[in-house]
mmCIF file of all heavy atoms, coordinates in Angstrom:
data_MODEL
# 
_entry.id   MODEL 
# 
loop_
_atom_site.group_PDB 
_atom_site.id 
_atom_site.type_symbol 
_atom_site.label_atom_id 
_atom_site.label_alt_id 
_atom_site.label_comp_id 
_atom_site.label_asym_id 
_atom_site.label_entity_id 
_atom_site.label_seq_id 
_atom_site.pdbx_PDB_ins_code 
_atom_site.Cartn_x 
_atom_site.Cartn_y 
_atom_site.Cartn_z 
_atom_site.occupancy 
_atom_site.B_iso_or_equiv 
_atom_site.pdbx_formal_charge 
_atom_site.auth_seq_id 
_atom_site.auth_comp_id 
_atom_site.auth_asym_id 
_atom_site.auth_atom_id 
_atom_site.pdbx_PDB_model_num 
ATOM 1   N N   . ARG A 1 1  ? -6.489  -20.565 9.754  1.00 0.00 ? 1  ARG A N   1 
ATOM 2   C CA  . ARG A 1 1  ? -5.779  -21.275 8.585  1.00 0.00 ? 1  ARG A CA  1 
ATOM 3   C C   . ARG A 1 1  ? -4.294  -20.815 8.555  1.00 0.00 ? 1  ARG A C   1 
ATOM 4   O O   . ARG A 1 1  ? -3.749  -20.968 7.379  1.00 0.00 ? 1  ARG A O   1 
ATOM 5   C CB  . ARG A 1 1  ? -6.635  -21.066 7.271  1.00 0.00 ? 1  ARG A CB  1 
ATOM 6   C CG  . ARG A 1 1  ? -7.894  -21.765 7.266  1.00 0.00 ? 1  ARG A CG  1 
ATOM 7   C CD  . ARG A 1 1  ? -8.495  -21.525 5.922  1.00 0.00 ? 1  ARG A CD  1 
ATOM 8   N NE  . ARG A 1 1  ? -9.039  -20.085 5.782  1.00 0.00 ? 1  ARG A NE  1 
ATOM 9   C CZ  . ARG A 1 1  ? -10.298 -19.644 5.873  1.00 0.00 ? 1  ARG A CZ  1 
ATOM 10  N NH1 . ARG A 1 1  ? -11.203 -20.500 6.070  1.00 0.00 ? 1  ARG A NH1 1 
ATOM 11  N NH2 . ARG A 1 1  ? -10.471 -18.506 5.829  1.00 0.00 ? 1  ARG A NH2 1 
ATOM 12  N N   . ASN A 1 2  ? -3.766  -20.174 9.454  1.00 0.00 ? 2  ASN A N   1 
ATOM 13  C CA  . ASN A 1 2  ? -2.325  -19.709 9.441  1.00 0.00 ? 2  ASN A CA  1 
ATOM 14  C C   . ASN A 1 2  ? -2.105  -18.673 8.456  1.00 0.00 ? 2  ASN A C   1 
ATOM 15  O O   . ASN A 1 2  ? -1.121  -18.721 7.871  1.00 0.00 ? 2  ASN A O   1 
ATOM 16  C CB  . ASN A 1 2  ? -1.443  -20.888 9.464  1.00 0.00 ? 2  ASN A CB  1 
ATOM 17  C CG  . ASN A 1 2  ? -0.119  -20.521 10.049 1.00 0.00 ? 2  ASN A CG  1 
ATOM 18  O OD1 . ASN A 1 2  ? -0.019  -19.661 10.897 1.00 0.00 ? 2  ASN A OD1 1 
ATOM 19  N ND2 . ASN A 1 2  ? 0.939   -21.172 9.532  1.00 0.00 ? 2  ASN A ND2 1 
ATOM 20  N N   . GLU A 1 3  ? -3.031  -17.783 8.365  1.00 0.00 ? 3  GLU A N   1 
ATOM 21  C CA  . GLU A 1 3  ? -2.919  -16.713 7.257  1.00 0.00 ? 3  GLU A CA  1 
ATOM 22  C C   . GLU A 1 3  ? -2.787  -15.349 7.861  1.00 0.00 ? 3  GLU A C   1 
ATOM 23  O O   . GLU A 1 3  ? -3.434  -15.123 8.917  1.00 0.00 ? 3  GLU A O   1 
ATOM 24  C CB  . GLU A 1 3  ? -4.169  -16.660 6.309  1.00 0.00 ? 3  GLU A CB  1 
ATOM 25  C CG  . GLU A 1 3  ? -4.286  -17.879 5.524  1.00 0.00 ? 3  GLU A CG  1 
ATOM 26  C CD  . GLU A 1 3  ? -5.646  -17.937 4.890  1.00 0.00 ? 3  GLU A CD  1 
ATOM 27  O OE1 . GLU A 1 3  ? -6.659  -17.179 5.388  1.00 0.00 ? 3  GLU A OE1 1 
ATOM 28  O OE2 . GLU A 1 3  ? -5.736  -18.637 3.833  1.00 0.00 ? 3  GLU A OE2 1 
ATOM 29  N N   . LYS A 1 4  ? -1.978  -14.488 7.428  1.00 0.00 ? 4  LYS A N   1 
ATOM 30  C CA  . LYS A 1 4  ? -2.007  -13.065 7.934  1.00 0.00 ? 4  LYS A CA  1 
ATOM 31  C C   . LYS A 1 4  ? -2.756  -12.223 6.922  1.00 0.00 ? 4  LYS A C   1 
ATOM 32  O O   . LYS A 1 4  ? -2.391  -12.234 5.778  1.00 0.00 ? 4  LYS A O   1 
ATOM 33  C CB  . LYS A 1 4  ? -0.558  -12.614 8.085  1.00 0.00 ? 4  LYS A CB  1 
ATOM 34  C CG  . LYS A 1 4  ? 0.176   -13.338 9.169  1.00 0.00 ? 4  LYS A CG  1 
ATOM 35  C CD  . LYS A 1 4  ? 1.622   -12.895 9.178  1.00 0.00 ? 4  LYS A CD  1 
ATOM 36  C CE  . LYS A 1 4  ? 2.397   -13.686 10.349 1.00 0.00 ? 4  LYS A CE  1 
ATOM 37  N NZ  . LYS A 1 4  ? 3.761   -13.278 10.532 1.00 0.00 ? 4  LYS A NZ  1 
ATOM 38  N N   . LEU A 1 5  ? -3.794  -11.446 7.275  1.00 0.00 ? 5  LEU A N   1 
ATOM 39  C CA  . LEU A 1 5  ? -4.749  -10.807 6.455  1.00 0.00 ? 5  LEU A CA  1 
ATOM 40  C C   . LEU A 1 5  ? -4.128  -9.456  6.115  1.00 0.00 ? 5  LEU A C   1 
ATOM 41  O O   . LEU A 1 5  ? -3.728  -8.741  7.001  1.00 0.00 ? 5  LEU A O   1 
ATOM 42  C CB  . LEU A 1 5  ? -6.110  -10.791 6.839  1.00 0.00 ? 5  LEU A CB  1 
ATOM 43  C CG  . LEU A 1 5  ? -6.714  -12.202 7.325  1.00 0.00 ? 5  LEU A CG  1 
ATOM 44  C CD1 . LEU A 1 5  ? -8.078  -12.012 7.869  1.00 0.00 ? 5  LEU A CD1 1 
ATOM 45  C CD2 . LEU A 1 5  ? -6.726  -13.037 6.091  1.00 0.00 ? 5  LEU A CD2 1 
ATOM 46  N N   . VAL A 1 6  ? -4.243  -9.234  4.773  1.00 0.00 ? 6  VAL A N   1 
ATOM 47  C CA  . VAL A 1 6  ? -3.816  -7.781  4.346  1.00 0.00 ? 6  VAL A CA  1 
ATOM 48  C C   . VAL A 1 6  ? -4.796  -7.456  3.307  1.00 0.00 ? 6  VAL A C   1 
ATOM 49  O O   . VAL A 1 6  ? -5.387  -8.081  2.435  1.00 0.00 ? 6  VAL A O   1 
ATOM 50  C CB  . VAL A 1 6  ? -2.325  -7.910  3.529  1.00 0.00 ? 6  VAL A CB  1 
ATOM 51  C CG1 . VAL A 1 6  ? -2.073  -6.474  3.044  1.00 0.00 ? 6  VAL A CG1 1 
ATOM 52  C CG2 . VAL A 1 6  ? -1.351  -8.398  4.443  1.00 0.00 ? 6  VAL A CG2 1 
ATOM 53  N N   . SER A 1 7  ? -5.148  -6.025  3.517  1.00 0.00 ? 7  SER A N   1 
ATOM 54  C CA  . SER A 1 7  ? -5.935  -5.415  2.511  1.00 0.00 ? 7  SER A CA  1 
ATOM 55  C C   . SER A 1 7  ? -5.342  -4.130  1.920  1.00 0.00 ? 7  SER A C   1 
ATOM 56  O O   . SER A 1 7  ? -4.921  -3.259  2.707  1.00 0.00 ? 7  SER A O   1 
ATOM 57  C CB  . SER A 1 7  ? -7.384  -5.014  3.120  1.00 0.00 ? 7  SER A CB  1 
ATOM 58  O OG  . SER A 1 7  ? -8.151  -4.217  2.395  1.00 0.00 ? 7  SER A OG  1 
ATOM 59  N N   . LEU A 1 8  ? -5.193  -4.012  0.616  1.00 0.00 ? 8  LEU A N   1 
ATOM 60  C CA  . LEU A 1 8  ? -4.555  -2.856  0.079  1.00 0.00 ? 8  LEU A CA  1 
ATOM 61  C C   . LEU A 1 8  ? -5.390  -2.282  -0.966 1.00 0.00 ? 8  LEU A C   1 
ATOM 62  O O   . LEU A 1 8  ? -5.936  -2.928  -1.821 1.00 0.00 ? 8  LEU A O   1 
ATOM 63  C CB  . LEU A 1 8  ? -3.179  -3.274  -0.549 1.00 0.00 ? 8  LEU A CB  1 
ATOM 64  C CG  . LEU A 1 8  ? -2.204  -3.770  0.356  1.00 0.00 ? 8  LEU A CG  1 
ATOM 65  C CD1 . LEU A 1 8  ? -1.018  -4.469  -0.439 1.00 0.00 ? 8  LEU A CD1 1 
ATOM 66  C CD2 . LEU A 1 8  ? -1.553  -2.872  1.367  1.00 0.00 ? 8  LEU A CD2 1 
ATOM 67  N N   . ASN A 1 9  ? -5.521  -0.913  -0.998 1.00 0.00 ? 9  ASN A N   1 
ATOM 68  C CA  . ASN A 1 9  ? -6.048  -0.180  -2.123 1.00 0.00 ? 9  ASN A CA  1 
ATOM 69  C C   . ASN A 1 9  ? -4.858  0.222   -2.971 1.00 0.00 ? 9  ASN A C   1 
ATOM 70  O O   . ASN A 1 9  ? -4.391  1.359   -2.877 1.00 0.00 ? 9  ASN A O   1 
ATOM 71  C CB  . ASN A 1 9  ? -6.855  0.925   -1.535 1.00 0.00 ? 9  ASN A CB  1 
ATOM 72  C CG  . ASN A 1 9  ? -7.597  1.765   -2.660 1.00 0.00 ? 9  ASN A CG  1 
ATOM 73  O OD1 . ASN A 1 9  ? -7.372  1.496   -3.841 1.00 0.00 ? 9  ASN A OD1 1 
ATOM 74  N ND2 . ASN A 1 9  ? -8.570  2.659   -2.239 1.00 0.00 ? 9  ASN A ND2 1 
ATOM 75  N N   . LEU A 1 10 ? -4.514  -0.504  -3.950 1.00 0.00 ? 10 LEU A N   1 
ATOM 76  C CA  . LEU A 1 10 ? -3.331  -0.255  -4.768 1.00 0.00 ? 10 LEU A CA  1 
ATOM 77  C C   . LEU A 1 10 ? -3.468  0.853   -5.647 1.00 0.00 ? 10 LEU A C   1 
ATOM 78  O O   . LEU A 1 10 ? -2.442  1.494   -5.990 1.00 0.00 ? 10 LEU A O   1 
ATOM 79  C CB  . LEU A 1 10 ? -2.990  -1.544  -5.617 1.00 0.00 ? 10 LEU A CB  1 
ATOM 80  C CG  . LEU A 1 10 ? -2.626  -2.860  -4.756 1.00 0.00 ? 10 LEU A CG  1 
ATOM 81  C CD1 . LEU A 1 10 ? -2.483  -4.056  -5.726 1.00 0.00 ? 10 LEU A CD1 1 
ATOM 82  C CD2 . LEU A 1 10 ? -1.474  -2.509  -3.945 1.00 0.00 ? 10 LEU A CD2 1 
ATOM 83  N N   . GLU A 1 11 ? -4.592  1.221   -6.040 1.00 0.00 ? 11 GLU A N   1 
ATOM 84  C CA  . GLU A 1 11 ? -4.880  2.365   -6.854 1.00 0.00 ? 11 GLU A CA  1 
ATOM 85  C C   . GLU A 1 11 ? -4.568  3.636   -6.139 1.00 0.00 ? 11 GLU A C   1 
ATOM 86  O O   . GLU A 1 11 ? -3.796  4.618   -6.521 1.00 0.00 ? 11 GLU A O   1 
ATOM 87  C CB  . GLU A 1 11 ? -6.358  2.503   -7.398 1.00 0.00 ? 11 GLU A CB  1 
ATOM 88  C CG  . GLU A 1 11 ? -6.731  1.491   -8.403 1.00 0.00 ? 11 GLU A CG  1 
ATOM 89  C CD  . GLU A 1 11 ? -8.148  1.584   -8.811 1.00 0.00 ? 11 GLU A CD  1 
ATOM 90  O OE1 . GLU A 1 11 ? -8.906  2.484   -8.445 1.00 0.00 ? 11 GLU A OE1 1 
ATOM 91  O OE2 . GLU A 1 11 ? -8.685  0.691   -9.552 1.00 0.00 ? 11 GLU A OE2 1 
ATOM 92  N N   . ARG A 1 12 ? -4.944  3.733   -4.905 1.00 0.00 ? 12 ARG A N   1 
ATOM 93  C CA  . ARG A 1 12 ? -4.600  4.932   -4.057 1.00 0.00 ? 12 ARG A CA  1 
ATOM 94  C C   . ARG A 1 12 ? -3.178  4.996   -3.716 1.00 0.00 ? 12 ARG A C   1 
ATOM 95  O O   . ARG A 1 12 ? -2.504  6.088   -3.577 1.00 0.00 ? 12 ARG A O   1 
ATOM 96  C CB  . ARG A 1 12 ? -5.440  5.024   -2.826 1.00 0.00 ? 12 ARG A CB  1 
ATOM 97  C CG  . ARG A 1 12 ? -6.934  5.191   -3.245 1.00 0.00 ? 12 ARG A CG  1 
ATOM 98  C CD  . ARG A 1 12 ? -7.232  6.579   -4.004 1.00 0.00 ? 12 ARG A CD  1 
ATOM 99  N NE  . ARG A 1 12 ? -6.910  7.618   -3.219 1.00 0.00 ? 12 ARG A NE  1 
ATOM 100 C CZ  . ARG A 1 12 ? -6.762  8.869   -3.798 1.00 0.00 ? 12 ARG A CZ  1 
ATOM 101 N NH1 . ARG A 1 12 ? -7.051  8.978   -5.000 1.00 0.00 ? 12 ARG A NH1 1 
ATOM 102 N NH2 . ARG A 1 12 ? -6.500  9.862   -2.973 1.00 0.00 ? 12 ARG A NH2 1 
ATOM 103 N N   . ILE A 1 13 ? -2.485  3.720   -3.454 1.00 0.00 ? 13 ILE A N   1 
ATOM 104 C CA  . ILE A 1 13 ? -1.172  3.779   -3.108 1.00 0.00 ? 13 ILE A CA  1 
ATOM 105 C C   . ILE A 1 13 ? -0.367  4.167   -4.208 1.00 0.00 ? 13 ILE A C   1 
ATOM 106 O O   . ILE A 1 13 ? 0.581   5.006   -4.190 1.00 0.00 ? 13 ILE A O   1 
ATOM 107 C CB  . ILE A 1 13 ? -0.740  2.265   -2.608 1.00 0.00 ? 13 ILE A CB  1 
ATOM 108 C CG1 . ILE A 1 13 ? -1.410  1.890   -1.341 1.00 0.00 ? 13 ILE A CG1 1 
ATOM 109 C CG2 . ILE A 1 13 ? 0.830   2.253   -2.562 1.00 0.00 ? 13 ILE A CG2 1 
ATOM 110 C CD1 . ILE A 1 13 ? -1.187  0.578   -0.850 1.00 0.00 ? 13 ILE A CD1 1 
ATOM 111 N N   . ALA A 1 14 ? -0.717  3.841   -5.476 1.00 0.00 ? 14 ALA A N   1 
ATOM 112 C CA  . ALA A 1 14 ? -0.027  4.268   -6.736 1.00 0.00 ? 14 ALA A CA  1 
ATOM 113 C C   . ALA A 1 14 ? -0.189  5.754   -6.780 1.00 0.00 ? 14 ALA A C   1 
ATOM 114 O O   . ALA A 1 14 ? 0.730   6.457   -7.252 1.00 0.00 ? 14 ALA A O   1 
ATOM 115 C CB  . ALA A 1 14 ? -0.509  3.453   -7.893 1.00 0.00 ? 14 ALA A CB  1 
ATOM 116 N N   . TYR A 1 15 ? -1.373  6.317   -6.583 1.00 0.00 ? 15 TYR A N   1 
ATOM 117 C CA  . TYR A 1 15 ? -1.617  7.622   -6.659 1.00 0.00 ? 15 TYR A CA  1 
ATOM 118 C C   . TYR A 1 15 ? -0.624  8.439   -5.788 1.00 0.00 ? 15 TYR A C   1 
ATOM 119 O O   . TYR A 1 15 ? 0.067   9.394   -6.017 1.00 0.00 ? 15 TYR A O   1 
ATOM 120 C CB  . TYR A 1 15 ? -2.960  7.911   -6.274 1.00 0.00 ? 15 TYR A CB  1 
ATOM 121 C CG  . TYR A 1 15 ? -3.317  9.520   -6.116 1.00 0.00 ? 15 TYR A CG  1 
ATOM 122 C CD1 . TYR A 1 15 ? -3.352  10.363  -7.162 1.00 0.00 ? 15 TYR A CD1 1 
ATOM 123 C CD2 . TYR A 1 15 ? -3.408  10.027  -4.795 1.00 0.00 ? 15 TYR A CD2 1 
ATOM 124 C CE1 . TYR A 1 15 ? -3.690  11.654  -7.032 1.00 0.00 ? 15 TYR A CE1 1 
ATOM 125 C CE2 . TYR A 1 15 ? -3.641  11.429  -4.671 1.00 0.00 ? 15 TYR A CE2 1 
ATOM 126 C CZ  . TYR A 1 15 ? -3.750  12.272  -5.726 1.00 0.00 ? 15 TYR A CZ  1 
ATOM 127 O OH  . TYR A 1 15 ? -3.922  13.579  -5.529 1.00 0.00 ? 15 TYR A OH  1 
ATOM 128 N N   . TRP A 1 16 ? -0.637  8.034   -4.490 1.00 0.00 ? 16 TRP A N   1 
ATOM 129 C CA  . TRP A 1 16 ? 0.244   8.731   -3.380 1.00 0.00 ? 16 TRP A CA  1 
ATOM 130 C C   . TRP A 1 16 ? 1.791   8.625   -3.822 1.00 0.00 ? 16 TRP A C   1 
ATOM 131 O O   . TRP A 1 16 ? 2.445   9.495   -3.543 1.00 0.00 ? 16 TRP A O   1 
ATOM 132 C CB  . TRP A 1 16 ? -0.038  8.331   -2.104 1.00 0.00 ? 16 TRP A CB  1 
ATOM 133 C CG  . TRP A 1 16 ? -1.314  8.825   -1.598 1.00 0.00 ? 16 TRP A CG  1 
ATOM 134 C CD1 . TRP A 1 16 ? -2.514  8.250   -1.308 1.00 0.00 ? 16 TRP A CD1 1 
ATOM 135 C CD2 . TRP A 1 16 ? -1.588  10.239  -1.194 1.00 0.00 ? 16 TRP A CD2 1 
ATOM 136 N NE1 . TRP A 1 16 ? -3.526  9.114   -0.972 1.00 0.00 ? 16 TRP A NE1 1 
ATOM 137 C CE2 . TRP A 1 16 ? -3.000  10.344  -0.851 1.00 0.00 ? 16 TRP A CE2 1 
ATOM 138 C CE3 . TRP A 1 16 ? -0.753  11.390  -1.236 1.00 0.00 ? 16 TRP A CE3 1 
ATOM 139 C CZ2 . TRP A 1 16 ? -3.550  11.500  -0.452 1.00 0.00 ? 16 TRP A CZ2 1 
ATOM 140 C CZ3 . TRP A 1 16 ? -1.390  12.566  -0.904 1.00 0.00 ? 16 TRP A CZ3 1 
ATOM 141 C CH2 . TRP A 1 16 ? -2.706  12.683  -0.521 1.00 0.00 ? 16 TRP A CH2 1 
ATOM 142 N N   . LEU A 1 17 ? 2.150   7.375   -4.215 1.00 0.00 ? 17 LEU A N   1 
ATOM 143 C CA  . LEU A 1 17 ? 3.569   7.256   -4.542 1.00 0.00 ? 17 LEU A CA  1 
ATOM 144 C C   . LEU A 1 17 ? 3.894   8.091   -5.778 1.00 0.00 ? 17 LEU A C   1 
ATOM 145 O O   . LEU A 1 17 ? 4.988   8.703   -5.864 1.00 0.00 ? 17 LEU A O   1 
ATOM 146 C CB  . LEU A 1 17 ? 3.937   5.712   -4.877 1.00 0.00 ? 17 LEU A CB  1 
ATOM 147 C CG  . LEU A 1 17 ? 3.805   4.922   -3.669 1.00 0.00 ? 17 LEU A CG  1 
ATOM 148 C CD1 . LEU A 1 17 ? 4.092   3.433   -4.204 1.00 0.00 ? 17 LEU A CD1 1 
ATOM 149 C CD2 . LEU A 1 17 ? 4.953   5.228   -2.624 1.00 0.00 ? 17 LEU A CD2 1 
ATOM 150 N N   . GLY A 1 18 ? 2.983   8.157   -6.721 1.00 0.00 ? 18 GLY A N   1 
ATOM 151 C CA  . GLY A 1 18 ? 3.255   9.050   -7.848 1.00 0.00 ? 18 GLY A CA  1 
ATOM 152 C C   . GLY A 1 18 ? 3.270   10.521  -7.571 1.00 0.00 ? 18 GLY A C   1 
ATOM 153 O O   . GLY A 1 18 ? 3.905   11.379  -8.233 1.00 0.00 ? 18 GLY A O   1 
ATOM 154 N N   . ASN A 1 19 ? 2.687   10.867  -6.499 1.00 0.00 ? 19 ASN A N   1 
ATOM 155 C CA  . ASN A 1 19 ? 2.633   12.310  -5.962 1.00 0.00 ? 19 ASN A CA  1 
ATOM 156 C C   . ASN A 1 19 ? 3.796   12.625  -5.014 1.00 0.00 ? 19 ASN A C   1 
ATOM 157 O O   . ASN A 1 19 ? 3.748   13.599  -4.420 1.00 0.00 ? 19 ASN A O   1 
ATOM 158 C CB  . ASN A 1 19 ? 1.284   12.744  -5.299 1.00 0.00 ? 19 ASN A CB  1 
ATOM 159 C CG  . ASN A 1 19 ? 0.257   12.977  -6.474 1.00 0.00 ? 19 ASN A CG  1 
ATOM 160 O OD1 . ASN A 1 19 ? 0.681   13.328  -7.520 1.00 0.00 ? 19 ASN A OD1 1 
ATOM 161 N ND2 . ASN A 1 19 ? -0.956  12.747  -6.127 1.00 0.00 ? 19 ASN A ND2 1 
ATOM 162 N N   . GLY A 1 20 ? 4.694   11.552  -4.918 1.00 0.00 ? 20 GLY A N   1 
ATOM 163 C CA  . GLY A 1 20 ? 5.855   11.881  -4.088 1.00 0.00 ? 20 GLY A CA  1 
ATOM 164 C C   . GLY A 1 20 ? 5.939   11.439  -2.467 1.00 0.00 ? 20 GLY A C   1 
ATOM 165 O O   . GLY A 1 20 ? 6.809   11.719  -1.896 1.00 0.00 ? 20 GLY A O   1 
ATOM 166 N N   . ALA A 1 21 ? 4.948   10.666  -2.315 1.00 0.00 ? 21 ALA A N   1 
ATOM 167 C CA  . ALA A 1 21 ? 4.813   10.145  -0.963 1.00 0.00 ? 21 ALA A CA  1 
ATOM 168 C C   . ALA A 1 21 ? 6.025   9.152   -0.786 1.00 0.00 ? 21 ALA A C   1 
ATOM 169 O O   . ALA A 1 21 ? 6.195   8.259   -1.668 1.00 0.00 ? 21 ALA A O   1 
ATOM 170 C CB  . ALA A 1 21 ? 3.549   9.469   -0.576 1.00 0.00 ? 21 ALA A CB  1 
ATOM 171 N N   . ASP A 1 22 ? 6.518   8.957   0.311  1.00 0.00 ? 22 ASP A N   1 
ATOM 172 C CA  . ASP A 1 22 ? 7.551   7.841   0.742  1.00 0.00 ? 22 ASP A CA  1 
ATOM 173 C C   . ASP A 1 22 ? 6.842   6.753   1.504  1.00 0.00 ? 22 ASP A C   1 
ATOM 174 O O   . ASP A 1 22 ? 5.750   6.970   1.995  1.00 0.00 ? 22 ASP A O   1 
ATOM 175 C CB  . ASP A 1 22 ? 8.721   8.412   1.471  1.00 0.00 ? 22 ASP A CB  1 
ATOM 176 C CG  . ASP A 1 22 ? 9.662   9.429   0.779  1.00 0.00 ? 22 ASP A CG  1 
ATOM 177 O OD1 . ASP A 1 22 ? 9.574   9.167   -0.444 1.00 0.00 ? 22 ASP A OD1 1 
ATOM 178 O OD2 . ASP A 1 22 ? 10.047  10.362  1.256  1.00 0.00 ? 22 ASP A OD2 1 
ATOM 179 N N   . CYS A 1 23 ? 7.492   5.687   1.617  1.00 0.00 ? 23 CYS A N   1 
ATOM 180 C CA  . CYS A 1 23 ? 6.997   4.533   2.387  1.00 0.00 ? 23 CYS A CA  1 
ATOM 181 C C   . CYS A 1 23 ? 8.013   4.180   3.523  1.00 0.00 ? 23 CYS A C   1 
ATOM 182 O O   . CYS A 1 23 ? 9.258   4.408   3.269  1.00 0.00 ? 23 CYS A O   1 
ATOM 183 C CB  . CYS A 1 23 ? 7.021   3.298   1.580  1.00 0.00 ? 23 CYS A CB  1 
ATOM 184 S SG  . CYS A 1 23 ? 5.499   3.344   0.464  1.00 0.00 ? 23 CYS A SG  1 
ATOM 185 N N   . THR A 1 24 ? 7.559   3.745   4.671  1.00 0.00 ? 24 THR A N   1 
ATOM 186 C CA  . THR A 1 24 ? 8.307   3.268   5.705  1.00 0.00 ? 24 THR A CA  1 
ATOM 187 C C   . THR A 1 24 ? 8.903   1.844   5.179  1.00 0.00 ? 24 THR A C   1 
ATOM 188 O O   . THR A 1 24 ? 8.296   1.252   4.405  1.00 0.00 ? 24 THR A O   1 
ATOM 189 C CB  . THR A 1 24 ? 7.680   3.182   7.062  1.00 0.00 ? 24 THR A CB  1 
ATOM 190 O OG1 . THR A 1 24 ? 6.664   2.299   6.938  1.00 0.00 ? 24 THR A OG1 1 
ATOM 191 C CG2 . THR A 1 24 ? 7.251   4.564   7.603  1.00 0.00 ? 24 THR A CG2 1 
ATOM 192 N N   . LYS A 1 25 ? 9.967   1.354   5.867  1.00 0.00 ? 25 LYS A N   1 
ATOM 193 C CA  . LYS A 1 25 ? 10.537  0.075   5.648  1.00 0.00 ? 25 LYS A CA  1 
ATOM 194 C C   . LYS A 1 25 ? 9.538   -1.097  5.688  1.00 0.00 ? 25 LYS A C   1 
ATOM 195 O O   . LYS A 1 25 ? 9.425   -2.052  4.906  1.00 0.00 ? 25 LYS A O   1 
ATOM 196 C CB  . LYS A 1 25 ? 11.810  -0.213  6.330  1.00 0.00 ? 25 LYS A CB  1 
ATOM 197 C CG  . LYS A 1 25 ? 12.953  0.621   5.889  1.00 0.00 ? 25 LYS A CG  1 
ATOM 198 C CD  . LYS A 1 25 ? 14.244  0.206   6.589  1.00 0.00 ? 25 LYS A CD  1 
ATOM 199 C CE  . LYS A 1 25 ? 15.317  1.081   6.068  1.00 0.00 ? 25 LYS A CE  1 
ATOM 200 N NZ  . LYS A 1 25 ? 16.664  0.727   6.838  1.00 0.00 ? 25 LYS A NZ  1 
# 
C-alpha cells in the first residue's frame, strides 16, 4: 500500500530524552 512502517514507544523515548539522551539526525 506504499506505506513505510514505523513503531515507536513514545513513553520510553520521552523517558530517555528527559534523562539527557540525544538523538541522531
